[in-house]
PDB file of N, CA and C in Angstrom:
ATOM      1  N   MET A   1       2.658 -21.277 -12.251  1.00  0.00           N
ATOM      2  CA  MET A   1       3.539 -19.932 -12.591  1.00  0.00           C
ATOM      3  C   MET A   1       3.373 -19.477 -11.611  1.00  0.00           C
ATOM      4  N   ASP A   2       4.647 -18.407 -11.228  1.00  0.00           N
ATOM      5  CA  ASP A   2       4.665 -17.686  -9.863  1.00  0.00           C
ATOM      6  C   ASP A   2       5.065 -16.474 -10.655  1.00  0.00           C
ATOM      7  N   TYR A   3       4.320 -15.145  -9.763  1.00  0.00           N
ATOM      8  CA  TYR A   3       4.382 -13.765 -10.451  1.00  0.00           C
ATOM      9  C   TYR A   3       4.600 -13.108  -8.968  1.00  0.00           C
ATOM     10  N   PRO A   4       6.143 -12.557  -8.858  1.00  0.00           N
ATOM     11  CA  PRO A   4       6.344 -11.872  -7.789  1.00  0.00           C
ATOM     12  C   PRO A   4       5.854 -10.351  -7.983  1.00  0.00           C
ATOM     13  N   VAL A   5       5.355 -10.321  -7.016  1.00  0.00           N
ATOM     14  CA  VAL A   5       4.409  -8.519  -6.834  1.00  0.00           C
ATOM     15  C   VAL A   5       5.155  -8.011  -5.419  1.00  0.00           C
ATOM     16  N   GLN A   6       5.536  -6.868  -6.392  1.00  0.00           N
ATOM     17  CA  GLN A   6       6.439  -6.205  -5.564  1.00  0.00           C
ATOM     18  C   GLN A   6       5.723  -4.704  -5.360  1.00  0.00           C
ATOM     19  N   SER A   7       4.538  -4.663  -5.494  1.00  0.00           N
ATOM     20  CA  SER A   7       3.876  -3.049  -5.153  1.00  0.00           C
ATOM     21  C   SER A   7       2.187  -3.509  -5.101  1.00  0.00           C
ATOM     22  N   PRO A   8       1.613  -2.477  -4.411  1.00  0.00           N
ATOM     23  CA  PRO A   8       0.393  -2.642  -4.914  1.00  0.00           C
ATOM     24  C   PRO A   8      -0.309  -2.646  -6.149  1.00  0.00           C
ATOM     25  N   GLU A   9       0.516  -1.496  -6.600  1.00  0.00           N
ATOM     26  CA  GLU A   9      -0.309  -1.473  -8.539  1.00  0.00           C
ATOM     27  C   GLU A   9      -0.027  -3.065  -8.583  1.00  0.00           C
ATOM     28  N   GLN A  10       1.214  -3.545  -8.903  1.00  0.00           N
ATOM     29  CA  GLN A  10       1.192  -4.884  -9.375  1.00  0.00           C
ATOM     30  C   GLN A  10       0.655  -5.894  -8.576  1.00  0.00           C
ATOM     31  N   LEU A  11      -0.450  -5.665  -7.528  1.00  0.00           N
ATOM     32  CA  LEU A  11      -1.221  -6.579  -7.062  1.00  0.00           C
ATOM     33  C   LEU A  11      -2.011  -6.352  -7.659  1.00  0.00           C
ATOM     34  N   GLY A  12      -2.801  -5.409  -7.801  1.00  0.00           N
ATOM     35  CA  GLY A  12      -4.283  -4.988  -8.195  1.00  0.00           C
ATOM     36  C   GLY A  12      -4.156  -5.599  -9.982  1.00  0.00           C
ATOM     37  N   ILE A  13      -3.259  -5.427 -10.426  1.00  0.00           N
ATOM     38  CA  ILE A  13      -3.015  -5.789 -12.114  1.00  0.00           C
ATOM     39  C   ILE A  13      -3.435  -7.655 -11.910  1.00  0.00           C
ATOM     40  N   TYR A  14      -2.484  -7.772 -10.958  1.00  0.00           N
ATOM     41  CA  TYR A  14      -2.708  -9.889 -10.827  1.00  0.00           C
ATOM     42  C   TYR A  14      -3.807 -10.024 -10.520  1.00  0.00           C
ATOM     43  N   LEU A  15      -4.629  -9.294  -9.686  1.00  0.00           N
ATOM     44  CA  LEU A  15      -5.911 -10.152  -8.804  1.00  0.00           C
ATOM     45  C   LEU A  15      -6.688  -9.714 -10.451  1.00  0.00           C
ATOM     46  N   ARG A  16      -6.893  -8.350 -11.080  1.00  0.00           N
ATOM     47  CA  ARG A  16      -8.061  -8.176 -11.853  1.00  0.00           C
ATOM     48  C   ARG A  16      -7.415  -9.461 -13.156  1.00  0.00           C
ATOM     49  N   SER A  17      -6.201  -9.821 -13.555  1.00  0.00           N
ATOM     50  CA  SER A  17      -6.084 -10.984 -14.329  1.00  0.00           C
ATOM     51  C   SER A  17      -6.247 -12.129 -14.260  1.00  0.00           C
ATOM     52  N   LEU A  18      -6.203 -12.581 -12.879  1.00  0.00           N
ATOM     53  CA  LEU A  18      -6.755 -13.649 -12.528  1.00  0.00           C
ATOM     54  C   LEU A  18      -8.096 -14.001 -11.777  1.00  0.00           C
ATOM     55  N   ARG A  19      -8.885 -13.026 -11.863  1.00  0.00           N
ATOM     56  CA  ARG A  19     -10.489 -12.391 -12.267  1.00  0.00           C
ATOM     57  C   ARG A  19     -10.665 -13.059 -13.231  1.00  0.00           C
ATOM     58  N   LYS A  20     -10.565 -12.352 -14.329  1.00  0.00           N
ATOM     59  CA  LYS A  20     -10.569 -12.457 -15.584  1.00  0.00           C
ATOM     60  C   LYS A  20     -10.338 -13.934 -16.222  1.00  0.00           C
ATOM     61  N   SER A  21      -9.063 -14.711 -15.679  1.00  0.00           N
ATOM     62  CA  SER A  21      -8.779 -15.737 -16.448  1.00  0.00           C
ATOM     63  C   SER A  21      -9.633 -16.874 -15.649  1.00  0.00           C
ATOM     64  N   ARG A  22     -10.453 -16.410 -14.729  1.00  0.00           N
ATOM     65  CA  ARG A  22     -11.244 -17.487 -13.906  1.00  0.00           C
ATOM     66  C   ARG A  22     -12.976 -17.136 -14.759  1.00  0.00           C
ATOM     67  N   GLY A  23     -12.945 -16.079 -15.827  1.00  0.00           N
ATOM     68  CA  GLY A  23     -14.251 -15.941 -16.240  1.00  0.00           C
ATOM     69  C   GLY A  23     -15.158 -15.325 -15.229  1.00  0.00           C
ATOM     70  N   LEU A  24     -14.751 -14.525 -14.409  1.00  0.00           N
ATOM     71  CA  LEU A  24     -15.447 -13.749 -13.898  1.00  0.00           C
ATOM     72  C   LEU A  24     -15.498 -12.162 -13.633  1.00  0.00           C
ATOM     73  N   THR A  25     -16.730 -12.163 -13.566  1.00  0.00           N
ATOM     74  CA  THR A  25     -17.109 -10.267 -13.500  1.00  0.00           C
ATOM     75  C   THR A  25     -16.776  -9.996 -12.310  1.00  0.00           C
ATOM     76  N   GLN A  26     -16.496  -8.648 -12.211  1.00  0.00           N
ATOM     77  CA  GLN A  26     -16.491  -7.815 -10.778  1.00  0.00           C
ATOM     78  C   GLN A  26     -17.525  -8.273  -9.703  1.00  0.00           C
ATOM     79  N   GLY A  27     -18.730  -7.997 -10.527  1.00  0.00           N
ATOM     80  CA  GLY A  27     -19.952  -8.474  -9.851  1.00  0.00           C
ATOM     81  C   GLY A  27     -19.995  -9.664  -9.273  1.00  0.00           C
ATOM     82  N   GLU A  28     -19.924 -10.780 -10.056  1.00  0.00           N
ATOM     83  CA  GLU A  28     -19.482 -12.203  -9.409  1.00  0.00           C
ATOM     84  C   GLU A  28     -18.623 -12.407  -8.544  1.00  0.00           C
ATOM     85  N   LEU A  29     -17.532 -11.757  -8.867  1.00  0.00           N
ATOM     86  CA  LEU A  29     -16.461 -12.218  -7.356  1.00  0.00           C
ATOM     87  C   LEU A  29     -17.175 -11.157  -6.254  1.00  0.00           C
ATOM     88  N   GLY A  30     -17.557  -9.840  -6.728  1.00  0.00           N
ATOM     89  CA  GLY A  30     -17.978  -9.464  -5.265  1.00  0.00           C
ATOM     90  C   GLY A  30     -19.256 -10.332  -4.456  1.00  0.00           C
ATOM     91  N   LYS A  31     -20.710 -11.172  -5.491  1.00  0.00           N
ATOM     92  CA  LYS A  31     -21.450 -11.661  -4.387  1.00  0.00           C
ATOM     93  C   LYS A  31     -20.562 -13.199  -3.758  1.00  0.00           C
ATOM     94  N   MET A  32     -19.505 -13.704  -4.717  1.00  0.00           N
ATOM     95  CA  MET A  32     -19.031 -14.825  -3.599  1.00  0.00           C
ATOM     96  C   MET A  32     -17.998 -14.172  -2.472  1.00  0.00           C
ATOM     97  N   LEU A  33     -17.477 -12.815  -2.376  1.00  0.00           N
ATOM     98  CA  LEU A  33     -16.634 -12.258  -1.361  1.00  0.00           C
ATOM     99  C   LEU A  33     -18.370 -11.727  -0.331  1.00  0.00           C
ATOM    100  N   GLY A  34     -18.990 -11.242  -0.762  1.00  0.00           N
ATOM    101  CA  GLY A  34     -20.350 -10.776   0.064  1.00  0.00           C
ATOM    102  C   GLY A  34     -19.702  -9.308   0.123  1.00  0.00           C
ATOM    103  N   VAL A  35     -19.386  -8.874  -1.268  1.00  0.00           N
ATOM    104  CA  VAL A  35     -19.015  -7.066  -1.009  1.00  0.00           C
ATOM    105  C   VAL A  35     -19.763  -6.572  -2.531  1.00  0.00           C
ATOM    106  N   SER A  36     -19.702  -5.495  -2.996  1.00  0.00           N
ATOM    107  CA  SER A  36     -20.304  -4.784  -3.748  1.00  0.00           C
ATOM    108  C   SER A  36     -19.434  -4.842  -5.046  1.00  0.00           C
ATOM    109  N   THR A  37     -20.194  -4.771  -6.542  1.00  0.00           N
ATOM    110  CA  THR A  37     -19.053  -4.757  -7.586  1.00  0.00           C
ATOM    111  C   THR A  37     -18.410  -3.448  -7.489  1.00  0.00           C
ATOM    112  N   ALA A  38     -18.653  -2.526  -6.939  1.00  0.00           N
ATOM    113  CA  ALA A  38     -17.526  -1.339  -6.505  1.00  0.00           C
ATOM    114  C   ALA A  38     -16.729  -1.301  -5.926  1.00  0.00           C
ATOM    115  N   ARG A  39     -16.992  -2.325  -4.574  1.00  0.00           N
ATOM    116  CA  ARG A  39     -15.703  -2.839  -3.343  1.00  0.00           C
ATOM    117  C   ARG A  39     -14.811  -3.808  -4.513  1.00  0.00           C
ATOM    118  N   VAL A  40     -14.765  -4.887  -5.482  1.00  0.00           N
ATOM    119  CA  VAL A  40     -14.191  -5.170  -6.184  1.00  0.00           C
ATOM    120  C   VAL A  40     -13.530  -4.357  -7.185  1.00  0.00           C
ATOM    121  N   ALA A  41     -13.934  -3.662  -7.619  1.00  0.00           N
ATOM    122  CA  ALA A  41     -13.447  -2.390  -8.643  1.00  0.00           C
ATOM    123  C   ALA A  41     -12.080  -1.541  -7.624  1.00  0.00           C
ATOM    124  N   TYR A  42     -12.973  -1.123  -6.556  1.00  0.00           N
ATOM    125  CA  TYR A  42     -11.819  -0.435  -5.758  1.00  0.00           C
ATOM    126  C   TYR A  42     -10.387  -1.087  -5.061  1.00  0.00           C
ATOM    127  N   ILE A  43     -10.798  -2.730  -5.098  1.00  0.00           N
ATOM    128  CA  ILE A  43      -9.447  -3.569  -4.542  1.00  0.00           C
ATOM    129  C   ILE A  43      -8.696  -3.463  -5.771  1.00  0.00           C
ATOM    130  N   GLU A  44      -9.089  -3.831  -6.669  1.00  0.00           N
ATOM    131  CA  GLU A  44      -8.022  -3.970  -8.068  1.00  0.00           C
ATOM    132  C   GLU A  44      -7.644  -2.855  -8.253  1.00  0.00           C
ATOM    133  N   HIS A  45      -7.971  -1.391  -7.908  1.00  0.00           N
ATOM    134  CA  HIS A  45      -7.265  -0.161  -8.695  1.00  0.00           C
ATOM    135  C   HIS A  45      -6.397   0.080  -7.279  1.00  0.00           C
ATOM    136  N   HIS A  46      -6.828  -0.344  -5.859  1.00  0.00           N
ATOM    137  CA  HIS A  46      -6.275   0.756  -4.609  1.00  0.00           C
ATOM    138  C   HIS A  46      -5.770  -0.755  -3.967  1.00  0.00           C
ATOM    139  N   SER A  47      -5.381  -1.491  -4.352  1.00  0.00           N
ATOM    140  CA  SER A  47      -5.438  -2.937  -3.368  1.00  0.00           C
ATOM    141  C   SER A  47      -4.255  -3.002  -2.247  1.00  0.00           C
ATOM    142  N   GLY A  48      -3.585  -1.666  -2.279  1.00  0.00           N
ATOM    143  CA  GLY A  48      -2.725  -1.686  -1.131  1.00  0.00           C
ATOM    144  C   GLY A  48      -4.116  -1.229   0.134  1.00  0.00           C
ATOM    145  N   THR A  49      -4.594  -1.048   0.211  1.00  0.00           N
ATOM    146  CA  THR A  49      -5.585  -0.713   1.279  1.00  0.00           C
ATOM    147  C   THR A  49      -6.249  -1.696   1.560  1.00  0.00           C
ATOM    148  N   VAL A  50      -6.530  -2.664   0.825  1.00  0.00           N
ATOM    149  CA  VAL A  50      -7.269  -3.991   1.240  1.00  0.00           C
ATOM    150  C   VAL A  50      -6.443  -4.764   2.484  1.00  0.00           C
ATOM    151  N   GLY A  51      -7.304  -5.300   3.261  1.00  0.00           N
ATOM    152  CA  GLY A  51      -6.711  -5.962   4.440  1.00  0.00           C
ATOM    153  C   GLY A  51      -6.084  -7.093   4.009  1.00  0.00           C
ATOM    154  N   SER A  52      -5.531  -8.035   5.272  1.00  0.00           N
ATOM    155  CA  SER A  52      -5.262  -8.781   4.306  1.00  0.00           C
ATOM    156  C   SER A  52      -6.063 -10.449   4.583  1.00  0.00           C
ATOM    157  N   GLY A  53      -7.109  -9.963   5.330  1.00  0.00           N
ATOM    158  CA  GLY A  53      -7.850 -11.044   5.671  1.00  0.00           C
ATOM    159  C   GLY A  53      -8.826 -10.954   4.293  1.00  0.00           C
ATOM    160  N   GLN A  54      -9.176  -9.986   3.606  1.00  0.00           N
ATOM    161  CA  GLN A  54     -10.078 -10.089   2.356  1.00  0.00           C
ATOM    162  C   GLN A  54      -8.949 -10.596   1.279  1.00  0.00           C
ATOM    163  N   LEU A  55      -7.729  -9.719   1.173  1.00  0.00           N
ATOM    164  CA  LEU A  55      -6.465 -10.175   0.308  1.00  0.00           C
ATOM    165  C   LEU A  55      -6.841 -12.061   0.408  1.00  0.00           C
ATOM    166  N   LEU A  56      -6.596 -12.268   1.346  1.00  0.00           N
ATOM    167  CA  LEU A  56      -6.430 -13.852   1.526  1.00  0.00           C
ATOM    168  C   LEU A  56      -7.856 -14.680   1.017  1.00  0.00           C
ATOM    169  N   LYS A  57      -8.798 -14.316   1.289  1.00  0.00           N
ATOM    170  CA  LYS A  57     -10.085 -14.734   0.840  1.00  0.00           C
ATOM    171  C   LYS A  57     -10.351 -14.586  -0.499  1.00  0.00           C
ATOM    172  N   ILE A  58      -9.958 -13.470  -1.231  1.00  0.00           N
ATOM    173  CA  ILE A  58      -9.967 -13.375  -2.921  1.00  0.00           C
ATOM    174  C   ILE A  58      -8.912 -14.347  -3.432  1.00  0.00           C
ATOM    175  N   LEU A  59      -7.741 -14.223  -2.942  1.00  0.00           N
ATOM    176  CA  LEU A  59      -6.804 -15.298  -3.515  1.00  0.00           C
ATOM    177  C   LEU A  59      -7.294 -16.575  -3.389  1.00  0.00           C
ATOM    178  N   HIS A  60      -7.849 -16.912  -2.081  1.00  0.00           N
ATOM    179  CA  HIS A  60      -8.623 -18.576  -2.213  1.00  0.00           C
ATOM    180  C   HIS A  60      -9.726 -18.696  -3.150  1.00  0.00           C
ATOM    181  N   LEU A  61     -10.466 -17.504  -3.391  1.00  0.00           N
ATOM    182  CA  LEU A  61     -11.750 -17.688  -4.306  1.00  0.00           C
ATOM    183  C   LEU A  61     -11.179 -18.119  -5.353  1.00  0.00           C
ATOM    184  N   LEU A  62     -10.077 -17.504  -5.708  1.00  0.00           N
ATOM    185  CA  LEU A  62      -9.676 -17.733  -7.496  1.00  0.00           C
ATOM    186  C   LEU A  62      -8.415 -18.961  -7.172  1.00  0.00           C
ATOM    187  N   GLY A  63      -8.382 -19.454  -6.356  1.00  0.00           N
ATOM    188  CA  GLY A  63      -7.724 -20.223  -6.691  1.00  0.00           C
ATOM    189  C   GLY A  63      -6.112 -20.409  -6.568  1.00  0.00           C
ATOM    190  N   ALA A  64      -5.864 -18.964  -6.102  1.00  0.00           N
ATOM    191  CA  ALA A  64      -4.497 -18.679  -5.772  1.00  0.00           C
ATOM    192  C   ALA A  64      -3.617 -18.758  -4.483  1.00  0.00           C
ATOM    193  N   HIS A  65      -2.719 -18.698  -4.346  1.00  0.00           N
ATOM    194  CA  HIS A  65      -2.053 -18.777  -2.967  1.00  0.00           C
ATOM    195  C   HIS A  65      -1.271 -17.738  -2.548  1.00  0.00           C
ATOM    196  N   LEU A  66      -0.725 -17.719  -1.300  1.00  0.00           N
ATOM    197  CA  LEU A  66       0.419 -16.359  -1.126  1.00  0.00           C
ATOM    198  C   LEU A  66       1.447 -16.761  -0.394  1.00  0.00           C
ATOM    199  N   TYR A  67       2.971 -16.665  -1.041  1.00  0.00           N
ATOM    200  CA  TYR A  67       3.736 -17.254  -0.478  1.00  0.00           C
ATOM    201  C   TYR A  67       4.836 -16.276  -0.609  1.00  0.00           C
ATOM    202  N   LEU A  68       5.330 -16.077   0.641  1.00  0.00           N
ATOM    203  CA  LEU A  68       6.346 -14.942   1.166  1.00  0.00           C
ATOM    204  C   LEU A  68       7.861 -15.616   1.126  1.00  0.00           C
ATOM    205  N   ASP A  69       8.294 -15.532   0.345  1.00  0.00           N
ATOM    206  CA  ASP A  69      10.030 -15.283  -0.077  1.00  0.00           C
ATOM    207  C   ASP A  69      10.736 -14.670   1.052  1.00  0.00           C
ATOM    208  N   ASP A  70      11.715 -14.780   1.903  1.00  0.00           N
ATOM    209  CA  ASP A  70      12.793 -14.016   2.708  1.00  0.00           C
ATOM    210  C   ASP A  70      13.895 -14.056   1.743  1.00  0.00           C
ATOM    211  N   GLY A  71      13.898 -14.798   0.576  1.00  0.00           N
ATOM    212  CA  GLY A  71      15.036 -13.847  -0.152  1.00  0.00           C
ATOM    213  C   GLY A  71      16.412 -15.280   0.684  1.00  0.00           C
ATOM    214  N   ALA A  72      16.123 -16.055   1.313  1.00  0.00           N
ATOM    215  CA  ALA A  72      17.464 -16.849   1.659  1.00  0.00           C
ATOM    216  C   ALA A  72      17.922 -18.027   0.649  1.00  0.00           C
ATOM    217  N   ALA A  73      16.878 -18.544  -0.043  1.00  0.00           N
ATOM    218  CA  ALA A  73      17.734 -18.737  -1.303  1.00  0.00           C
ATOM    219  C   ALA A  73      18.287 -18.648  -1.943  1.00  0.00           C
ATOM    220  N   LYS A  74      18.155 -17.169  -2.724  1.00  0.00           N
ATOM    221  CA  LYS A  74      18.885 -16.284  -3.627  1.00  0.00           C
ATOM    222  C   LYS A  74      20.021 -15.940  -2.835  1.00  0.00           C
ATOM    223  N   ARG A  75      20.251 -15.962  -1.158  1.00  0.00           N
ATOM    224  CA  ARG A  75      21.410 -15.515  -0.831  1.00  0.00           C
ATOM    225  C   ARG A  75      22.180 -17.026  -0.204  1.00  0.00           C
ATOM    226  N   ASP A  76      21.934 -17.705  -0.406  1.00  0.00           N
ATOM    227  CA  ASP A  76      22.037 -19.100  -0.019  1.00  0.00           C
ATOM    228  C   ASP A  76      22.925 -19.527  -1.225  1.00  0.00           C
ATOM    229  N   ALA A  77      22.646 -19.506  -2.542  1.00  0.00           N
ATOM    230  CA  ALA A  77      22.890 -19.484  -3.562  1.00  0.00           C
ATOM    231  C   ALA A  77      24.086 -18.467  -3.799  1.00  0.00           C
ATOM    232  N   LEU A  78      23.495 -17.344  -3.852  1.00  0.00           N
ATOM    233  CA  LEU A  78      24.989 -16.441  -3.786  1.00  0.00           C
ATOM    234  C   LEU A  78      25.935 -16.752  -2.813  1.00  0.00           C
ATOM    235  N   ALA A  79      26.217 -17.165  -1.800  1.00  0.00           N
ATOM    236  CA  ALA A  79      27.299 -17.222  -0.729  1.00  0.00           C
ATOM    237  C   ALA A  79      27.782 -18.742  -1.229  1.00  0.00           C
ATOM    238  N   ASN A  80      27.025 -19.728  -1.682  1.00  0.00           N
ATOM    239  CA  ASN A  80      27.485 -20.761  -2.362  1.00  0.00           C
ATOM    240  C   ASN A  80      28.332 -20.749  -3.601  1.00  0.00           C
ATOM    241  N   ARG A  81      28.425 -19.889  -4.037  1.00  0.00           N
ATOM    242  CA  ARG A  81      29.114 -19.848  -5.759  1.00  0.00           C
ATOM    243  C   ARG A  81      30.522 -19.643  -5.026  1.00  0.00           C
ATOM    244  N   ARG A  82      31.505 -20.470  -6.177  1.00  0.00           N
ATOM    245  CA  ARG A  82      32.695 -20.671  -5.827  1.00  0.00           C
ATOM    246  C   ARG A  82      33.100 -19.019  -5.972  1.00  0.00           C
ATOM    247  N   GLN A  83      34.189 -18.612  -5.178  1.00  0.00           N
ATOM    248  CA  GLN A  83      35.005 -17.624  -4.978  1.00  0.00           C
ATOM    249  C   GLN A  83      35.890 -17.886  -6.043  1.00  0.00           C
ATOM    250  N   PRO A  84      36.448 -17.078  -6.807  1.00  0.00           N
ATOM    251  CA  PRO A  84      37.613 -17.050  -8.077  1.00  0.00           C
ATOM    252  C   PRO A  84      38.753 -17.207  -7.110  1.00  0.00           C
ATOM    253  N   ALA A  85      39.915 -18.331  -7.544  1.00  0.00           N
ATOM    254  CA  ALA A  85      40.985 -18.606  -7.030  1.00  0.00           C
ATOM    255  C   ALA A  85      41.816 -17.759  -6.483  1.00  0.00           C
ATOM    256  N   ALA A  86      42.459 -17.805  -5.415  1.00  0.00           N
ATOM    257  CA  ALA A  86      43.543 -16.734  -5.306  1.00  0.00           C
ATOM    258  C   ALA A  86      44.464 -17.211  -6.465  1.00  0.00           C
ATOM    259  N   ALA A  87      45.652 -16.446  -6.570  1.00  0.00           N
ATOM    260  CA  ALA A  87      46.731 -16.475  -7.438  1.00  0.00           C
ATOM    261  C   ALA A  87      47.271 -17.897  -6.554  1.00  0.00           C
ATOM    262  N   GLY A  88      47.606 -18.439  -7.637  1.00  0.00           N
ATOM    263  CA  GLY A  88      48.436 -19.848  -7.128  1.00  0.00           C
ATOM    264  C   GLY A  88      47.774 -20.541  -6.678  1.00  0.00           C
ATOM    265  N   GLU A  89      46.202 -20.909  -6.557  1.00  0.00           N
ATOM    266  CA  GLU A  89      45.217 -21.918  -5.867  1.00  0.00           C
ATOM    267  C   GLU A  89      44.946 -22.736  -7.012  1.00  0.00           C
ATOM    268  N   TRP A  90      44.587 -23.794  -6.895  1.00  0.00           N
ATOM    269  CA  TRP A  90      43.886 -24.650  -8.262  1.00  0.00           C
ATOM    270  C   TRP A  90      42.436 -24.803  -7.451  1.00  0.00           C
TER     271      TRP A  90
END
């Protein structure tokens, strides 16, 4: 299932939820990352400050992936919607 993340707060909630769903403590994830338990707690509460490399490593360790959506599919769908017919058109 996809989870759109649009803010650092949402990212932190998602990371914490993902870690817990994998049955990992902050300490266990920290050992896997090579950082302290305090650093994992900090990342989960201040995820807007984590570097992209560390974020990608965390996602990889938790079996998650990062996808960027440029919104093209939504724009295309809106553009392809049939416009109402003008008066006299079928």
